[in-house]
Protein backbone atom coordinates (compact mmCIF):
# COMPACT_ATOMS: atom_id res chain seq x y z
CA MET A 1 -65.13 160.97 -129.48
CA GLU A 2 -65.13 163.83 -131.97
CA SER A 3 -65.12 162.87 -135.56
CA ILE A 4 -61.99 164.00 -137.43
CA GLU A 5 -62.82 165.67 -140.74
CA VAL A 6 -61.06 164.81 -143.97
CA ILE A 7 -58.11 167.14 -144.70
CA LEU A 8 -57.27 167.44 -148.38
CA LEU A 9 -53.74 168.51 -149.09
CA ASP A 10 -53.16 170.96 -151.90
CA THR A 11 -50.14 169.94 -154.02
CA HIS A 12 -47.64 172.21 -152.27
CA ALA A 13 -49.01 171.15 -148.89
CA LEU A 14 -48.45 167.51 -149.91
CA VAL A 15 -44.86 168.29 -150.77
CA TRP A 16 -44.30 170.13 -147.59
CA PHE A 17 -45.86 167.32 -145.54
CA THR A 18 -43.85 164.61 -147.14
CA THR A 19 -40.52 166.48 -147.02
CA ASP A 20 -41.05 167.88 -143.51
CA ALA A 21 -40.63 171.39 -144.76
CA GLY A 22 -43.08 174.26 -144.67
CA LEU A 23 -46.26 173.23 -142.95
CA GLY A 24 -47.19 175.54 -140.02
CA LYS A 25 -47.44 174.12 -136.57
CA ARG A 26 -51.24 173.96 -136.47
CA SER A 27 -51.44 172.55 -140.02
CA GLN A 28 -48.81 169.89 -139.20
CA ALA A 29 -50.75 168.87 -136.13
CA LEU A 30 -54.06 168.69 -138.05
CA ALA A 31 -52.44 166.75 -140.85
CA ASP A 32 -50.82 164.28 -138.37
CA GLN A 33 -54.17 163.81 -136.53
CA ALA A 34 -56.02 163.30 -139.87
CA LEU A 35 -53.39 160.73 -140.98
CA ALA A 36 -53.62 158.88 -137.65
CA ASN A 37 -57.37 158.66 -138.24
CA ASP A 38 -57.25 157.67 -141.95
CA ARG A 39 -58.70 161.08 -142.90
CA LEU A 40 -55.73 162.69 -144.74
CA ALA A 41 -56.23 162.80 -148.52
CA VAL A 42 -54.76 164.12 -151.75
CA SER A 43 -56.29 164.56 -155.18
CA ALA A 44 -54.85 162.36 -157.84
CA ILE A 45 -54.21 165.50 -159.88
CA SER A 46 -51.49 166.48 -157.42
CA PHE A 47 -49.28 163.72 -158.73
CA PHE A 48 -49.70 165.12 -162.21
CA GLU A 49 -48.65 168.58 -161.00
CA ILE A 50 -45.68 167.14 -159.08
CA ALA A 51 -44.54 165.13 -162.15
CA LEU A 52 -44.76 168.29 -164.32
CA LEU A 53 -42.76 170.28 -161.77
CA ILE A 54 -40.04 167.60 -161.73
CA VAL A 55 -39.88 167.45 -165.55
CA LYS A 56 -39.64 171.32 -165.73
CA ASN A 57 -36.89 171.19 -163.10
CA ARG A 58 -38.92 173.44 -160.78
CA LEU A 59 -39.19 170.85 -157.93
CA LYS A 60 -35.67 169.58 -157.05
CA SER A 61 -36.44 168.17 -153.67
CA ILE A 62 -38.17 165.10 -155.16
CA ASP A 63 -36.60 162.81 -157.66
CA SER A 64 -39.56 160.81 -158.86
CA ALA A 65 -43.36 161.43 -158.84
CA GLU A 66 -43.87 157.69 -158.90
CA LYS A 67 -41.66 157.12 -155.82
CA LEU A 68 -43.36 160.00 -154.00
CA ARG A 69 -46.82 158.56 -154.86
CA GLU A 70 -45.77 155.17 -153.53
CA HIS A 71 -44.44 156.69 -150.40
CA VAL A 72 -47.57 158.83 -149.91
CA LEU A 73 -49.95 155.87 -150.38
CA ASP A 74 -47.83 153.56 -148.21
CA SER A 75 -47.93 156.20 -145.44
CA GLY A 76 -51.73 156.02 -145.36
CA ILE A 77 -52.62 159.14 -147.22
CA ILE A 78 -55.78 158.51 -149.23
CA GLU A 79 -55.65 159.21 -153.03
CA LEU A 80 -59.00 160.63 -154.18
CA PRO A 81 -59.57 160.06 -157.94
CA ILE A 82 -60.92 162.58 -160.42
CA THR A 83 -64.53 161.37 -160.99
CA GLY A 84 -67.09 162.65 -163.49
CA GLU A 85 -68.84 164.44 -160.64
CA ILE A 86 -65.53 166.22 -159.66
CA ALA A 87 -64.71 167.05 -163.34
CA LEU A 88 -68.10 168.66 -163.83
CA ARG A 89 -67.94 170.54 -160.48
CA ALA A 90 -64.49 171.86 -161.43
CA VAL A 91 -66.02 173.61 -164.39
CA ASP A 92 -69.02 175.05 -162.45
CA ILE A 93 -66.99 176.67 -159.65
CA ALA A 94 -67.51 180.42 -159.75
CA ASN A 95 -64.98 183.09 -158.97
CA LEU A 96 -61.99 180.72 -158.95
CA PRO A 97 -58.82 181.25 -160.94
CA ASP A 98 -58.66 179.21 -164.17
CA ASP A 99 -55.73 176.95 -163.07
CA PRO A 100 -57.23 173.47 -164.01
CA ALA A 101 -55.35 171.66 -161.24
CA ASP A 102 -56.65 174.05 -158.51
CA ARG A 103 -60.16 173.66 -159.87
CA PHE A 104 -59.86 169.86 -159.62
CA ILE A 105 -58.45 170.05 -156.13
CA VAL A 106 -61.16 172.51 -154.93
CA ALA A 107 -63.88 170.41 -156.58
CA THR A 108 -62.49 167.34 -154.83
CA ALA A 109 -62.63 169.08 -151.48
CA ILE A 110 -66.22 170.19 -152.18
CA VAL A 111 -67.45 166.79 -153.33
CA HIS A 112 -65.83 165.03 -150.31
CA GLY A 113 -66.74 167.69 -147.80
CA ALA A 114 -63.08 168.03 -146.90
CA THR A 115 -61.10 170.95 -145.50
CA LEU A 116 -58.55 172.10 -148.03
CA MET A 117 -55.17 172.69 -146.65
CA THR A 118 -53.39 175.19 -148.86
CA ALA A 119 -51.06 178.20 -148.74
CA ASP A 120 -52.37 179.54 -152.08
CA ASP A 121 -53.56 183.11 -151.36
CA GLN A 122 -56.11 183.05 -154.13
CA LEU A 123 -57.66 179.86 -152.76
CA LEU A 124 -57.50 181.09 -149.14
CA GLU A 125 -59.22 184.47 -150.09
CA TRP A 126 -61.78 182.88 -152.48
CA LYS A 127 -65.31 183.58 -151.34
CA HIS A 128 -66.93 180.22 -150.79
CA ALA A 129 -68.20 178.07 -147.95
CA THR A 130 -65.50 175.45 -148.55
CA ARG A 131 -63.50 175.00 -145.31
CA ARG A 132 -59.79 175.92 -145.68
CA GLN A 133 -56.71 175.71 -143.45
CA ASN A 134 -53.79 177.91 -144.25
CA ALA A 135 -50.92 175.41 -144.62
CA GLU A 136 -48.38 178.04 -143.33
CA LYS A 137 -50.09 178.37 -139.97
């Protein structure tokens, strides 16, 4: 049987996956398959981003970052922590926009050898060997 690779959801891909809104057909199928094989993951920094968006009233479809996190973990999505290795890699990444959360998420994908599922054009167009899946497709 073919090994299923780890899929790392970018923050917006996580929101789309958990609210059943926005993921493209192929991305949804890949995420569902990864989840079924215990290979769907999210960076811990995504919960920080979600909490900030809720506080700033920019994410109205979710009431509580804590409840979302609990739901995500209960569903089997793996939370990948920010380690020292990831923190250092986030600083060393060349040609990536300076958004700290994006840097942590990309560094997490690199360190774990995961495919990053994102709809962020800057991350999709970034010149790097990191595997990416356009979350809108």
